[in-house]
Protein backbone atom coordinates (compact mmCIF):
# COMPACT_ATOMS: atom_id res chain seq x y z
CA MET A 1 -12.30 23.07 23.86
CA THR A 2 -10.15 24.30 20.97
CA MET A 3 -9.89 28.02 20.38
CA GLU A 4 -11.06 29.15 16.95
CA THR A 5 -8.53 31.28 15.07
CA LYS A 6 -9.34 33.42 12.04
CA LEU A 7 -8.55 36.54 10.02
CA HIS A 8 -10.48 39.81 9.97
CA SER A 9 -9.45 41.77 6.86
CA ALA A 10 -12.09 44.54 7.08
CA PRO A 11 -11.24 48.06 8.33
CA LEU A 12 -10.85 48.14 12.10
CA GLU A 13 -13.95 50.26 12.69
CA GLN A 14 -16.12 47.59 11.03
CA ILE A 15 -14.96 44.61 13.09
CA GLU A 16 -17.76 43.29 15.30
CA THR A 17 -16.20 41.56 18.27
CA GLU A 18 -16.44 41.52 22.05
CA ALA A 19 -13.00 43.11 22.33
CA LEU A 20 -10.60 44.73 19.87
CA VAL A 21 -7.00 44.77 21.12
CA ILE A 22 -4.50 47.47 20.15
CA LEU A 23 -0.75 47.34 20.73
CA ALA A 24 0.28 50.55 22.48
CA PHE A 25 4.00 51.18 22.82
CA ASP A 26 5.97 52.81 25.60
CA LYS A 27 5.43 56.57 25.41
CA ASP A 28 9.20 57.11 25.31
CA SER A 29 9.66 54.80 22.31
CA PRO A 30 10.93 56.07 18.95
CA GLY A 31 7.77 57.40 17.32
CA GLY A 32 5.97 57.54 20.69
CA GLY A 33 3.23 55.30 21.97
CA LEU A 34 1.25 55.43 18.73
CA ALA A 35 4.03 53.91 16.66
CA SER A 36 1.71 51.50 14.85
CA GLU A 37 -0.77 52.42 12.15
CA ALA A 38 -3.48 50.44 13.96
CA ALA A 39 -3.01 52.51 17.13
CA LYS A 40 -3.12 55.76 15.15
CA THR A 41 -6.31 54.65 13.38
CA VAL A 42 -8.06 53.67 16.59
CA ASN A 43 -6.91 56.83 18.34
CA THR A 44 -8.51 58.90 15.57
CA LEU A 45 -11.73 56.86 15.56
CA THR A 46 -12.14 57.21 19.33
CA GLY A 47 -11.52 60.95 19.38
CA GLY A 48 -8.04 60.75 20.86
CA TRP A 49 -8.66 58.20 23.64
CA LEU A 50 -5.15 56.72 23.48
CA GLU A 51 -3.48 60.14 23.42
CA GLU A 52 -5.50 61.15 26.46
CA LEU A 53 -4.40 58.02 28.34
CA TYR A 54 -0.76 58.86 27.74
CA ARG A 55 -1.25 62.54 28.54
CA THR A 56 -2.97 61.92 31.89
CA GLY A 57 -0.46 59.29 32.94
CA GLU A 58 -3.13 56.58 33.30
CA PHE A 59 -1.22 54.48 30.78
CA SER A 60 2.43 54.50 29.72
CA GLY A 61 2.73 51.54 27.35
CA LYS A 62 4.95 49.40 29.57
CA LEU A 63 4.86 45.68 28.76
CA TYR A 64 1.53 44.02 29.67
CA GLU A 65 -0.01 47.24 31.06
CA THR A 66 -3.70 47.48 30.14
CA ALA A 67 -6.47 50.04 29.67
CA LEU A 68 -10.01 48.94 28.79
CA LEU A 69 -12.72 51.09 27.20
CA HIS A 70 -16.33 49.91 26.96
CA ARG A 71 -18.52 50.89 24.00
CA PRO A 72 -15.73 52.78 22.21
CA ALA A 73 -16.95 55.57 19.95
CA GLY A 74 -16.33 55.00 16.25
CA LEU A 75 -15.87 51.22 16.57
CA ALA A 76 -18.22 48.27 16.10
CA ALA A 77 -16.35 46.38 18.84
CA LYS A 78 -17.99 46.27 22.28
CA ARG A 79 -14.68 46.91 24.07
CA LEU A 80 -11.30 48.34 23.19
CA LEU A 81 -8.24 47.05 25.05
CA ALA A 82 -4.95 48.90 24.83
CA ILE A 83 -2.12 46.63 25.94
CA GLY A 84 1.41 47.80 26.61
CA ALA A 85 3.93 46.54 24.08
CA GLY A 86 7.08 48.10 25.54
CA LYS A 87 9.70 49.89 23.46
CA SER A 88 8.85 49.92 19.76
CA ASP A 89 12.49 49.52 18.73
CA LYS A 90 12.78 46.33 20.83
CA PHE A 91 9.47 44.83 19.75
CA GLY A 92 9.49 41.71 17.59
CA PRO A 93 7.67 38.38 17.21
CA ALA A 94 8.89 37.14 20.62
CA GLU A 95 7.43 40.16 22.39
CA LEU A 96 4.25 40.01 20.30
CA ARG A 97 3.76 36.36 21.25
CA ARG A 98 3.84 37.23 24.94
CA VAL A 99 1.72 40.37 24.62
CA SER A 100 -0.90 38.41 22.71
CA GLY A 101 -0.99 35.79 25.45
CA ALA A 102 -1.24 38.49 28.12
CA ALA A 103 -4.19 40.09 26.29
CA VAL A 104 -6.01 36.76 26.16
CA ARG A 105 -5.44 36.06 29.84
CA HIS A 106 -6.53 39.58 30.80
CA LEU A 107 -9.75 39.44 28.78
CA LYS A 108 -10.71 35.89 29.73
CA SER A 109 -10.58 36.92 33.39
CA ARG A 110 -13.30 39.39 32.46
CA SER A 111 -15.41 36.71 30.77
CA VAL A 112 -14.66 37.89 27.22
CA ARG A 113 -15.15 34.97 24.83
CA GLU A 114 -14.28 36.60 21.51
CA MET A 115 -11.49 39.02 20.60
CA ALA A 116 -9.46 40.42 17.73
CA LEU A 117 -5.87 41.67 17.84
CA ALA A 118 -5.09 44.48 15.38
CA LEU A 119 -1.84 44.27 13.42
CA ASP A 120 -0.48 46.56 10.73
CA ALA A 121 -0.66 45.48 7.10
CA GLY A 122 2.63 45.03 5.27
CA PRO A 123 5.41 42.51 4.61
CA ALA A 124 5.79 41.67 8.32
CA ALA A 125 2.10 40.83 8.80
CA PRO A 126 2.40 37.03 8.21
CA GLU A 127 5.29 36.63 10.65
CA GLN A 128 3.42 38.74 13.20
CA ALA A 129 0.24 36.73 12.67
CA VAL A 130 2.07 33.49 13.49
CA ALA A 131 3.39 34.94 16.74
CA ALA A 132 0.06 36.51 17.71
CA VAL A 133 -1.85 33.27 17.25
CA GLU A 134 0.77 31.21 19.06
CA GLY A 135 0.69 33.61 21.99
CA ALA A 136 -3.11 33.57 22.12
CA VAL A 137 -3.45 29.77 22.05
CA LEU A 138 -0.67 29.34 24.63
CA GLY A 139 -2.11 32.08 26.84
CA GLU A 140 -5.59 30.56 26.85
CA TYR A 141 -4.31 27.24 28.24
CA GLU A 142 -5.10 26.36 31.87
CA PRO A 143 -3.76 23.30 33.77
CA GLU A 144 -7.10 22.46 35.39
CA ARG A 145 -7.96 19.04 33.96
CA TYR A 146 -8.30 17.49 37.42
CA LYS A 147 -10.13 20.37 39.11
CA THR A 148 -13.79 19.66 39.79
CA GLU A 149 -14.48 23.40 39.71
CA LYS A 150 -13.09 25.15 36.65
CA LYS A 151 -12.48 28.89 36.40
CA ASP A 152 -16.18 29.73 36.11
CA GLY A 153 -16.16 28.40 32.58
CA LYS A 154 -14.12 31.40 31.45
CA ALA A 155 -12.42 30.88 28.10
CA VAL A 156 -11.63 32.89 24.99
CA GLU A 157 -13.33 30.76 22.38
CA SER A 158 -12.42 32.81 19.29
CA PHE A 159 -9.26 34.77 18.50
CA ALA A 160 -8.93 36.80 15.30
CA VAL A 161 -5.98 38.57 13.78
CA ALA A 162 -7.19 41.87 12.32
CA VAL A 163 -5.10 42.95 9.33
CA PRO A 164 -6.95 45.36 7.02
CA GLY A 165 -6.70 43.94 3.50
CA GLY A 166 -4.97 40.77 4.75
CA GLY A 167 -5.16 37.81 2.38
CA THR A 168 -4.06 34.23 1.81
CA GLU A 169 -0.55 34.65 3.16
CA VAL A 170 -1.81 35.91 6.49
CA GLU A 171 -4.45 33.14 6.65
CA GLN A 172 -1.73 30.53 6.09
CA ALA A 173 0.35 32.13 8.84
CA ILE A 174 -2.61 31.93 11.23
CA GLN A 175 -2.98 28.24 10.39
CA ARG A 176 0.70 27.58 11.09
CA GLY A 177 0.57 29.46 14.39
CA ARG A 178 -2.44 27.45 15.49
CA ILE A 179 -0.81 24.10 14.62
CA VAL A 180 2.41 24.90 16.46
CA ALA A 181 0.71 26.32 19.55
CA GLU A 182 -1.81 23.49 19.81
CA SER A 183 1.11 21.06 19.58
CA GLN A 184 2.88 22.96 22.34
CA ASN A 185 -0.26 22.73 24.49
CA PHE A 186 -0.39 19.00 23.68
CA THR A 187 3.13 18.81 25.11
CA ARG A 188 2.07 20.76 28.18
CA ASP A 189 -0.84 18.37 28.71
CA LEU A 190 1.54 15.39 28.68
CA VAL A 191 3.91 17.01 31.19
CA ASN A 192 1.05 18.04 33.47
CA GLU A 193 -0.14 14.46 33.91
CA PRO A 194 0.74 13.14 37.39
CA ALA A 195 2.92 10.05 37.60
CA ASN A 196 0.01 7.84 38.71
CA ARG A 197 -1.65 8.65 35.38
CA MET A 198 1.43 8.93 33.16
CA ASN A 199 3.88 6.04 33.19
CA PRO A 200 6.10 4.90 30.29
CA THR A 201 3.37 2.67 28.84
CA THR A 202 0.80 5.47 29.02
CA LEU A 203 3.19 7.90 27.34
CA ALA A 204 3.68 5.37 24.55
CA GLU A 205 -0.10 5.07 24.14
CA HIS A 206 -0.42 8.85 23.80
CA ALA A 207 2.38 8.89 21.22
CA ARG A 208 0.84 6.01 19.26
CA GLN A 209 -2.60 7.65 19.20
CA MET A 210 -1.12 10.96 18.05
CA ALA A 211 0.85 9.16 15.32
CA GLU A 212 -2.28 7.44 14.04
CA GLU A 213 -4.17 10.74 13.95
CA GLN A 214 -1.37 12.61 12.15
CA GLY A 215 -0.16 9.90 9.79
CA LEU A 216 3.21 9.18 11.39
CA GLU A 217 4.91 5.81 11.72
CA CYS A 218 5.17 4.61 15.32
CA GLU A 219 7.17 1.74 16.79
CA ILE A 220 7.34 0.92 20.51
CA LEU A 221 10.37 -1.07 21.66
CA GLU A 222 9.66 -2.98 24.86
CA ARG A 223 11.97 -4.49 27.46
CA ASP A 224 12.73 -7.76 25.68
CA ARG A 225 13.63 -6.04 22.42
CA MET A 226 15.84 -3.53 24.21
CA LYS A 227 17.55 -6.39 26.04
CA GLN A 228 18.20 -8.15 22.71
CA LEU A 229 19.72 -4.96 21.32
CA GLY A 230 21.92 -4.47 24.38
CA MET A 231 20.48 -1.26 25.85
CA GLY A 232 21.91 -1.92 29.30
CA ALA A 233 22.08 1.74 30.33
CA LEU A 234 18.39 2.36 29.67
CA LEU A 235 17.29 -0.93 31.24
CA GLY A 236 19.46 -0.33 34.29
CA VAL A 237 17.59 2.86 35.11
CA ALA A 238 14.22 1.14 34.71
CA GLN A 239 14.90 -1.92 36.83
CA GLY A 240 13.88 -0.32 40.14
CA SER A 241 10.32 0.33 38.99
CA ALA A 242 7.35 -1.99 38.55
CA GLU A 243 6.49 0.00 35.41
CA PRO A 244 8.19 -1.43 32.31
CA PRO A 245 10.32 0.85 30.12
CA VAL A 246 9.66 1.64 26.47
CA LEU A 247 11.54 3.29 23.64
CA ILE A 248 9.11 5.25 21.46
CA VAL A 249 10.15 5.77 17.82
CA LEU A 250 8.13 8.18 15.65
CA SER A 251 8.98 8.62 11.97
CA TYR A 252 8.08 11.30 9.45
CA ARG A 253 9.00 10.56 5.83
CA PRO A 254 8.34 13.30 3.23
CA GLU A 255 7.80 12.31 -0.39
CA SER A 256 10.96 14.06 -1.56
CA ALA A 257 13.35 14.38 1.34
CA ALA A 258 16.55 16.32 1.77
CA ALA A 259 19.75 14.31 2.09
CA ALA A 260 19.80 14.80 5.86
CA HIS A 261 17.90 12.62 8.32
CA LEU A 262 17.13 14.62 11.45
CA GLY A 263 17.01 12.73 14.75
CA LEU A 264 15.13 14.31 17.68
CA ILE A 265 15.70 12.59 21.02
CA GLY A 266 13.78 13.49 24.18
CA LYS A 267 14.32 12.34 27.75
CA GLY A 268 11.17 10.59 29.00
CA VAL A 269 11.54 9.93 32.74
CA THR A 270 7.88 9.93 33.76
CA PHE A 271 8.85 10.19 37.42
CA ASP A 272 12.30 10.64 38.92
CA SER A 273 12.72 9.78 42.59
CA GLY A 274 16.48 9.70 42.11
CA GLY A 275 16.53 5.94 42.64
CA ILE A 276 18.86 4.71 45.41
CA SER A 277 20.55 8.14 45.31
CA ILE A 278 17.15 9.48 46.29
CA LYS A 279 16.22 13.15 45.94
CA PRO A 280 15.25 15.40 48.88
CA SER A 281 11.51 15.32 49.52
CA GLU A 282 11.02 19.05 48.98
CA GLY A 283 9.85 19.67 45.44
CA MET A 284 9.89 15.98 44.48
CA GLU A 285 6.26 16.22 43.35
CA LYS A 286 7.51 18.28 40.41
CA MET A 287 9.55 15.35 39.12
CA LYS A 288 6.63 14.35 36.93
CA TYR A 289 8.10 17.01 34.62
CA ASP A 290 11.27 14.99 34.04
CA MET A 291 9.76 13.80 30.76
CA ALA A 292 9.37 17.35 29.41
CA GLY A 293 12.07 16.79 26.78
CA GLY A 294 10.33 13.66 25.54
CA ALA A 295 6.96 15.43 25.53
CA ALA A 296 8.42 18.34 23.55
CA VAL A 297 9.75 15.94 20.93
CA ILE A 298 6.39 14.14 20.66
CA GLY A 299 4.64 17.51 20.33
CA ALA A 300 7.14 18.66 17.73
CA MET A 301 6.40 15.56 15.65
CA ARG A 302 2.67 16.38 15.87
CA ALA A 303 3.35 19.79 14.31
CA ILE A 304 5.88 18.45 11.79
CA ALA A 305 3.36 15.89 10.54
CA GLN A 306 0.90 18.68 9.72
CA LEU A 307 3.35 21.29 8.39
CA ARG A 308 5.26 18.74 6.25
CA PRO A 309 8.87 19.96 5.99
CA ALA A 310 11.16 18.56 3.29
CA VAL A 311 13.57 16.81 5.68
CA ARG A 312 13.08 13.31 7.08
CA VAL A 313 12.65 13.34 10.87
CA THR A 314 12.78 10.48 13.36
CA ALA A 315 12.01 11.02 17.04
CA LEU A 316 13.16 8.71 19.83
CA ILE A 317 11.81 8.95 23.37
CA PRO A 318 13.31 6.57 25.95
CA ALA A 319 10.66 6.37 28.70
CA VAL A 320 11.28 4.99 32.18
CA GLU A 321 10.47 5.51 35.84
CA ASN A 322 13.46 5.97 38.14
CA MET A 323 12.43 4.35 41.42
CA PRO A 324 14.26 2.87 44.47
CA GLY A 325 12.67 -0.58 44.33
CA SER A 326 14.30 -3.74 45.62
CA ARG A 327 15.82 -4.44 42.19
CA ALA A 328 16.97 -0.84 41.65
CA GLN A 329 20.32 0.02 40.17
CA ARG A 330 22.95 0.69 42.85
CA PRO A 331 25.82 3.16 42.95
CA GLY A 332 28.86 1.24 41.78
CA ASP A 333 26.97 -0.88 39.26
CA ILE A 334 28.49 -1.17 35.79
CA VAL A 335 26.24 -1.33 32.73
CA ALA A 336 26.98 -2.03 29.08
CA THR A 337 25.44 0.41 26.60
CA LEU A 338 24.14 -0.18 23.09
CA SER A 339 27.31 1.42 21.73
CA GLY A 340 29.43 -1.22 23.49
CA LYS A 341 30.92 1.20 26.01
CA THR A 342 30.61 0.40 29.70
CA VAL A 343 29.48 2.90 32.33
CA GLU A 344 30.13 2.94 36.06
CA VAL A 345 27.01 4.31 37.74
CA LEU A 346 28.23 6.52 40.59
CA ASN A 347 24.91 8.29 41.12
CA THR A 348 21.55 6.79 40.20
CA ASP A 349 19.99 10.27 40.08
CA ALA A 350 22.07 10.98 36.97
CA GLU A 351 19.73 8.68 35.06
CA GLY A 352 18.70 10.88 32.13
CA ARG A 353 22.11 10.71 30.49
CA LEU A 354 22.03 6.90 30.76
CA ILE A 355 18.75 6.45 28.91
CA LEU A 356 19.76 9.09 26.36
CA ALA A 357 23.06 7.32 25.70
CA ASP A 358 21.26 4.25 24.37
CA ALA A 359 18.63 6.29 22.51
CA LEU A 360 21.27 8.45 20.80
CA ALA A 361 23.23 5.37 19.76
CA TYR A 362 20.04 3.78 18.41
CA ALA A 363 19.24 6.96 16.46
CA ARG A 364 22.59 6.62 14.72
CA ARG A 365 21.82 2.96 13.99
CA LEU A 366 18.53 4.05 12.36
CA GLY A 367 20.47 6.29 10.00
CA CYS A 368 19.94 9.71 11.57
CA THR A 369 22.63 12.05 10.23
CA HIS A 370 22.05 14.98 12.61
CA LEU A 371 21.03 14.62 16.26
CA ILE A 372 19.33 17.05 18.64
CA ASP A 373 18.32 16.00 22.13
CA ALA A 374 16.15 17.87 24.64
CA ALA A 375 16.27 16.91 28.29
CA THR A 376 15.62 18.19 31.80
CA LEU A 377 19.08 16.90 32.48
CA THR A 378 20.79 18.80 35.30
CA SER A 379 20.11 21.11 38.22
CA ALA A 380 23.53 22.54 37.44
CA ILE A 381 22.18 24.30 34.34
CA VAL A 382 19.54 25.97 36.55
CA ILE A 383 22.29 27.28 38.82
CA ALA A 384 24.25 28.50 35.81
CA LEU A 385 21.44 30.09 33.76
CA GLY A 386 18.42 30.31 36.05
CA HIS A 387 14.98 30.01 34.49
CA VAL A 388 15.63 32.22 31.45
CA ASN A 389 17.95 30.45 29.02
CA VAL A 390 18.21 26.88 27.80
CA GLY A 391 21.77 25.60 27.99
CA VAL A 392 22.96 24.44 24.58
CA PHE A 393 25.98 22.25 23.87
CA ALA A 394 27.26 21.08 20.48
CA ASN A 395 30.01 19.17 18.75
CA ASP A 396 29.35 20.80 15.36
CA GLN A 397 29.24 24.54 14.66
CA GLY A 398 27.13 24.21 11.52
CA LEU A 399 24.30 22.38 13.29
CA LEU A 400 24.60 24.67 16.30
CA ASP A 401 24.17 27.73 14.07
CA LYS A 402 21.00 26.22 12.58
CA VAL A 403 19.53 25.50 16.02
CA LEU A 404 20.40 28.97 17.33
CA ALA A 405 18.82 30.60 14.27
CA ALA A 406 15.65 28.54 14.76
CA ALA A 407 15.50 29.49 18.45
CA ARG A 408 15.93 33.21 17.70
CA ALA A 409 13.13 33.06 15.15
CA GLU A 410 10.85 31.43 17.71
CA GLY A 411 11.74 33.61 20.69
CA GLU A 412 13.25 30.75 22.71
CA LYS A 413 16.42 31.82 24.52
CA LEU A 414 19.46 29.55 24.21
CA TRP A 415 22.89 30.15 25.70
CA THR A 416 25.89 28.29 24.30
CA MET A 417 27.94 26.45 26.92
CA PRO A 418 31.53 25.16 26.59
CA LEU A 419 32.36 21.58 25.75
CA ASP A 420 36.14 21.51 26.15
CA GLU A 421 37.82 18.10 26.24
CA ASP A 422 39.38 19.05 29.59
CA TYR A 423 36.02 18.42 31.27
CA LYS A 424 36.14 14.76 30.24
CA GLU A 425 38.79 14.16 32.90
CA GLN A 426 36.04 14.25 35.52
CA LEU A 427 34.31 11.26 33.93
CA LYS A 428 37.24 8.85 34.17
CA SER A 429 36.53 5.53 35.84
CA ALA A 430 39.00 2.98 37.18
CA PHE A 431 36.53 0.17 36.52
CA ALA A 432 34.61 1.03 33.32
CA ASP A 433 35.06 3.05 30.16
CA ILE A 434 33.36 6.08 31.69
CA SER A 435 31.48 7.09 34.84
CA ASN A 436 28.05 8.71 34.69
CA VAL A 437 28.95 11.74 36.84
CA GLY A 438 31.96 13.87 37.64
CA ASN A 439 32.43 16.10 40.66
CA ARG A 440 30.00 18.92 41.50
CA TRP A 441 31.80 21.54 39.40
CA GLY A 442 30.55 22.14 35.87
CA GLY A 443 27.87 19.48 36.26
CA ALA A 444 25.85 20.50 33.20
CA ILE A 445 28.99 20.41 31.08
CA THR A 446 30.16 16.99 32.26
CA ALA A 447 26.65 15.66 31.63
CA ALA A 448 26.90 16.92 28.05
CA MET A 449 30.40 15.46 27.75
CA PHE A 450 28.96 12.10 28.75
CA LEU A 451 26.33 12.28 25.97
CA LYS A 452 28.98 13.33 23.47
CA GLU A 453 30.62 9.93 23.90
CA PHE A 454 27.58 8.25 22.31
CA VAL A 455 26.92 10.48 19.30
CA GLU A 456 30.17 11.06 17.46
CA PRO A 457 30.98 11.37 14.63
CA ALA A 458 27.41 12.61 13.93
CA PRO A 459 26.74 16.35 14.30
CA TRP A 460 24.87 16.81 17.58
CA VAL A 461 23.26 19.49 19.73
CA HIS A 462 22.13 18.99 23.32
CA LEU A 463 19.47 21.22 24.91
CA ASP A 464 19.41 21.15 28.71
CA ILE A 465 15.92 22.50 29.46
CA ALA A 466 15.87 21.78 33.21
CA GLY A 467 15.53 25.47 34.12
CA THR A 468 13.00 26.48 31.48
CA ALA A 469 10.60 23.56 31.07
CA TRP A 470 8.53 24.48 34.13
CA LEU A 471 7.12 27.81 35.37
CA ASP A 472 6.93 27.88 39.17
CA GLU A 473 4.61 30.89 39.00
CA ALA A 474 2.14 32.06 36.38
CA LYS A 475 3.30 34.76 33.98
CA PRO A 476 1.05 37.47 32.50
CA PHE A 477 1.13 35.48 29.24
CA MET A 478 1.21 31.85 30.46
CA ALA A 479 -0.18 29.67 33.23
CA LYS A 480 1.92 28.05 35.94
CA GLY A 481 3.37 24.66 35.05
CA PRO A 482 5.01 23.21 31.93
CA SER A 483 6.12 25.66 29.25
CA GLY A 484 6.59 23.31 26.29
CA VAL A 485 10.01 24.87 25.68
CA ALA A 486 12.14 23.67 22.73
CA LEU A 487 9.15 22.54 20.65
CA ARG A 488 9.00 25.67 18.50
CA THR A 489 12.76 25.60 17.94
CA LEU A 490 12.66 21.97 16.79
CA VAL A 491 9.72 22.60 14.44
CA ASN A 492 11.33 25.70 12.96
CA LEU A 493 14.59 23.81 12.45
CA ALA A 494 12.81 21.10 10.46
CA LEU A 495 10.71 23.55 8.41
CA ASN A 496 13.74 25.62 7.40
CA TRP A 497 16.24 22.79 6.98
CA LYS A 498 18.79 23.19 4.19
CA ASP A 499 21.47 20.60 3.49
């Protein structure tokens, strides 16, 4: 079921809804807890309810803290929820997105099916509306497709942004927020599919169906075509599985495009056993998420098709299973890539960089002028940055600045990592042009250095999302499982592209 999103532009006291939500800031914030006009209005209408909560210590406004009032005096709403928004001077769209999601998850657990979140009118209202809707749609999502017993049918079916006097600009913002968040949930659905239901061919079918629905061009390269092209690195990874590999190519062509041609490349390993260099059994069930980069790119194209930026965008998703079958790639094998360079495979569990090498080279062959890849590439980035920041690597400062700006606007945390030429020493091979792994030190960096060999001279940014693409535990604002990270950054980058 798709959540309905809409605008309420009437005064707050007139809004008929099951629950009206008010942002209440930390009591020690600049301006105090009632730093928003909406909170002041509701406090007055209810005879000082919010002030009393602060005064008695029942509520302090810390992030995600809640206080619920039934049948609030002075309001048409059946319930009034005050939700903690933290410090007012540190509150922006990123925080609003999470608070909105937390409000949805809190109310749905109480069987509320309809709600409205009050925002202040003014120049910031459209930007806030986008974040509020995104947070609500993402917060409503539950990974329970294969459960025979759902969560008692609990769902928030309608979410409204309440901006007194809000007009067309806010309505358009609500529409954009819905498109982006639904595309992010589409990505999460893909990642949540278990490997027995999501193989490379199935992923291609999902991509093709989405492309048909959204008006995108879709081409699926199969094994024979990739062999003709010389994609030995990609095919080498796939040869241990009974499931055939595919290279999914999705194309968006605006009527009047910018000079640039943006290439989005996503790693699509639908299950990663590690191959002959097999992974430990603990946690291996999570390796269905090793196609999260590819899913994010497919989801981003779904949003791009609807929002129609002025830049041409082509997405490439190399999709394989990495399995230890009798024909599997062995440590010590040497493969020839599409670029012509040869690679000595020292570790078959470093497979993502191999399939990306051929996809990146093919993106250049298709005419992409700027390349961004997203991949659950290394456990080393998790050790370096934990589960908070995406590791970002780049060979071009201009493109990096654009990606960082897009991420900041979307509340996705990126941390720039080094890419010094000194690290390339670890990838030297006595028998091929390059090896696919170095030693254990700086593993995320040497993985990026490997990819860099297959993109230059094109400007390129690499997003290692291994630590952020999956939530091991539910958050107040989001369910356990795939996060859909990087999608919003990629969509924002395309929408705001300037040559």
